[in-house]
């Protein structure tokens, strides 16, 4: 979330997302990155809420994890195959751990 919302033009952001820095400096691209960062942050807040405050925590956690996995599958099909591991890997492990 930090890279997408605050450090949108940093060399680290360029390296992590495999994008040239001149592309990251475009205003329209920065807006897209910030929107994506807020989106990811809210997913994280939803997971925290479901774990610590919700009365139906397991059900909500599973919904969020499935959502993250679906988005990772879509990203691996449309952008970069390793997204399924980098974005979805922990969600898959977490989802499996809720079953046992």
C-alpha atoms as a PDB file:
ATOM      1  CA  UNK A   1       0.000   0.000   0.000  1.00  0.00           C
ATOM      2  CA  UNK A   2       2.847   2.388   0.829  1.00  0.00           C
ATOM      3  CA  UNK A   3       4.486   1.970  -2.586  1.00  0.00           C
ATOM      4  CA  UNK A   4       1.201   2.506  -4.414  1.00  0.00           C
ATOM      5  CA  UNK A   5      -0.151   5.469  -2.441  1.00  0.00           C
ATOM      6  CA  UNK A   6       2.862   7.391  -1.121  1.00  0.00           C
ATOM      7  CA  UNK A   7       6.049   6.303  -2.907  1.00  0.00           C
ATOM      8  CA  UNK A   8       4.488   6.054  -6.361  1.00  0.00           C
ATOM      9  CA  UNK A   9       7.561   7.337  -8.224  1.00  0.00           C
ATOM     10  CA  UNK A  10      10.315   5.661  -6.183  1.00  0.00           C
ATOM     11  CA  UNK A  11      12.937   3.333  -7.610  1.00  0.00           C
ATOM     12  CA  UNK A  12      11.608   0.595  -5.337  1.00  0.00           C
ATOM     13  CA  UNK A  13       8.123   0.982  -6.825  1.00  0.00           C
ATOM     14  CA  UNK A  14       9.655   0.865 -10.297  1.00  0.00           C
ATOM     15  CA  UNK A  15      11.506  -2.349  -9.448  1.00  0.00           C
ATOM     16  CA  UNK A  16       8.632  -4.085  -7.611  1.00  0.00           C
ATOM     17  CA  UNK A  17       6.084  -3.407 -10.346  1.00  0.00           C
ATOM     18  CA  UNK A  18       8.635  -3.732 -13.177  1.00  0.00           C
ATOM     19  CA  UNK A  19       7.701  -0.339 -14.621  1.00  0.00           C
ATOM     20  CA  UNK A  20       9.936   2.453 -15.925  1.00  0.00           C
ATOM     21  CA  UNK A  21      10.117   5.490 -13.651  1.00  0.00           C
ATOM     22  CA  UNK A  22       9.047   7.869 -16.417  1.00  0.00           C
ATOM     23  CA  UNK A  23       5.778   5.899 -16.620  1.00  0.00           C
ATOM     24  CA  UNK A  24       5.303   6.148 -12.855  1.00  0.00           C
ATOM     25  CA  UNK A  25       5.666   9.938 -13.015  1.00  0.00           C
ATOM     26  CA  UNK A  26       2.673  10.404 -15.313  1.00  0.00           C
ATOM     27  CA  UNK A  27      -0.212  12.007 -13.441  1.00  0.00           C
ATOM     28  CA  UNK A  28      -2.827   9.579 -14.769  1.00  0.00           C
ATOM     29  CA  UNK A  29      -0.690   6.611 -13.759  1.00  0.00           C
ATOM     30  CA  UNK A  30      -0.093   8.013 -10.272  1.00  0.00           C
ATOM     31  CA  UNK A  31      -3.861   8.324  -9.809  1.00  0.00           C
ATOM     32  CA  UNK A  32      -4.323   4.690 -10.849  1.00  0.00           C
ATOM     33  CA  UNK A  33      -1.578   3.548  -8.456  1.00  0.00           C
ATOM     34  CA  UNK A  34      -3.065   5.502  -5.548  1.00  0.00           C
ATOM     35  CA  UNK A  35      -6.518   4.060  -6.211  1.00  0.00           C
ATOM     36  CA  UNK A  36      -5.025   0.557  -6.248  1.00  0.00           C
ATOM     37  CA  UNK A  37      -3.186   1.255  -2.999  1.00  0.00           C
ATOM     38  CA  UNK A  38      -6.330   2.426  -1.236  1.00  0.00           C
ATOM     39  CA  UNK A  39      -8.168  -0.634  -2.553  1.00  0.00           C
ATOM     40  CA  UNK A  40      -5.485  -2.959  -1.168  1.00  0.00           C
ATOM     41  CA  UNK A  41      -5.435  -1.094   2.137  1.00  0.00           C
ATOM     42  CA  UNK A  42      -9.182  -1.450   2.555  1.00  0.00           C
ATOM     43  CA  UNK A  43      -8.963  -5.185   1.851  1.00  0.00           C
ATOM     44  CA  UNK A  44      -6.360  -5.370   4.629  1.00  0.00           C
ATOM     45  CA  UNK A  45      -8.586  -3.401   6.994  1.00  0.00           C
ATOM     46  CA  UNK A  46     -11.468  -5.722   6.159  1.00  0.00           C
ATOM     47  CA  UNK A  47      -9.350  -8.732   7.059  1.00  0.00           C
ATOM     48  CA  UNK A  48      -8.290  -7.130  10.341  1.00  0.00           C
ATOM     49  CA  UNK A  49     -11.900  -6.271  11.149  1.00  0.00           C
ATOM     50  CA  UNK A  50     -13.057  -9.796  10.385  1.00  0.00           C
ATOM     51  CA  UNK A  51     -10.362 -11.342  12.578  1.00  0.00           C
ATOM     52  CA  UNK A  52     -10.554  -9.042  15.600  1.00  0.00           C
ATOM     53  CA  UNK A  53     -14.022  -7.457  15.703  1.00  0.00           C
ATOM     54  CA  UNK A  54     -16.538  -9.496  13.747  1.00  0.00           C
ATOM     55  CA  UNK A  55     -18.839 -12.080  15.295  1.00  0.00           C
ATOM     56  CA  UNK A  56     -18.650 -14.162  12.091  1.00  0.00           C
ATOM     57  CA  UNK A  57     -14.905 -13.826  11.715  1.00  0.00           C
ATOM     58  CA  UNK A  58     -14.094 -17.147  10.024  1.00  0.00           C
ATOM     59  CA  UNK A  59     -16.746 -16.650   7.362  1.00  0.00           C
ATOM     60  CA  UNK A  60     -15.617 -13.091   6.609  1.00  0.00           C
ATOM     61  CA  UNK A  61     -11.944 -14.065   6.548  1.00  0.00           C
ATOM     62  CA  UNK A  62     -12.700 -16.802   4.034  1.00  0.00           C
ATOM     63  CA  UNK A  63     -14.663 -14.379   1.837  1.00  0.00           C
ATOM     64  CA  UNK A  64     -11.766 -11.905   1.787  1.00  0.00           C
ATOM     65  CA  UNK A  65      -9.198 -14.645   1.156  1.00  0.00           C
ATOM     66  CA  UNK A  66     -11.180 -16.123  -1.734  1.00  0.00           C
ATOM     67  CA  UNK A  67     -11.531 -12.625  -3.159  1.00  0.00           C
ATOM     68  CA  UNK A  68      -7.761 -12.055  -2.938  1.00  0.00           C
ATOM     69  CA  UNK A  69      -7.096 -15.431  -4.585  1.00  0.00           C
ATOM     70  CA  UNK A  70      -9.505 -14.692  -7.454  1.00  0.00           C
ATOM     71  CA  UNK A  71      -7.838 -11.328  -8.050  1.00  0.00           C
ATOM     72  CA  UNK A  72      -4.410 -13.036  -7.980  1.00  0.00           C
ATOM     73  CA  UNK A  73      -5.583 -15.609 -10.535  1.00  0.00           C
ATOM     74  CA  UNK A  74      -6.866 -12.829 -12.774  1.00  0.00           C
ATOM     75  CA  UNK A  75      -3.592 -10.918 -12.379  1.00  0.00           C
ATOM     76  CA  UNK A  76      -1.548 -13.997 -13.232  1.00  0.00           C
ATOM     77  CA  UNK A  77      -3.614 -14.531 -16.376  1.00  0.00           C
ATOM     78  CA  UNK A  78      -3.529 -10.910 -17.547  1.00  0.00           C
ATOM     79  CA  UNK A  79      -0.283  -9.432 -16.242  1.00  0.00           C
ATOM     80  CA  UNK A  80       2.430 -11.664 -14.790  1.00  0.00           C
ATOM     81  CA  UNK A  81       2.224 -15.368 -13.956  1.00  0.00           C
ATOM     82  CA  UNK A  82       4.146 -14.943 -10.688  1.00  0.00           C
ATOM     83  CA  UNK A  83       1.316 -12.810  -9.258  1.00  0.00           C
ATOM     84  CA  UNK A  84      -0.471 -16.005  -8.242  1.00  0.00           C
ATOM     85  CA  UNK A  85       2.432 -16.656  -5.863  1.00  0.00           C
ATOM     86  CA  UNK A  86       3.340 -13.114  -4.799  1.00  0.00           C
ATOM     87  CA  UNK A  87      -0.203 -11.849  -4.293  1.00  0.00           C
ATOM     88  CA  UNK A  88      -2.142 -15.062  -3.806  1.00  0.00           C
ATOM     89  CA  UNK A  89       0.345 -17.367  -2.110  1.00  0.00           C
ATOM     90  CA  UNK A  90      -0.215 -16.255   1.468  1.00  0.00           C
ATOM     91  CA  UNK A  91      -3.968 -16.012   0.910  1.00  0.00           C
ATOM     92  CA  UNK A  92      -4.024 -19.606  -0.361  1.00  0.00           C
ATOM     93  CA  UNK A  93      -2.039 -20.813   2.655  1.00  0.00           C
ATOM     94  CA  UNK A  94      -4.270 -18.835   5.022  1.00  0.00           C
ATOM     95  CA  UNK A  95      -7.447 -20.179   3.404  1.00  0.00           C
ATOM     96  CA  UNK A  96      -6.212 -23.765   3.613  1.00  0.00           C
ATOM     97  CA  UNK A  97      -5.258 -23.220   7.270  1.00  0.00           C
ATOM     98  CA  UNK A  98      -8.841 -22.176   8.093  1.00  0.00           C
ATOM     99  CA  UNK A  99     -10.096 -25.575   6.954  1.00  0.00           C
ATOM    100  CA  UNK A 100      -7.898 -27.665   9.275  1.00  0.00           C
END
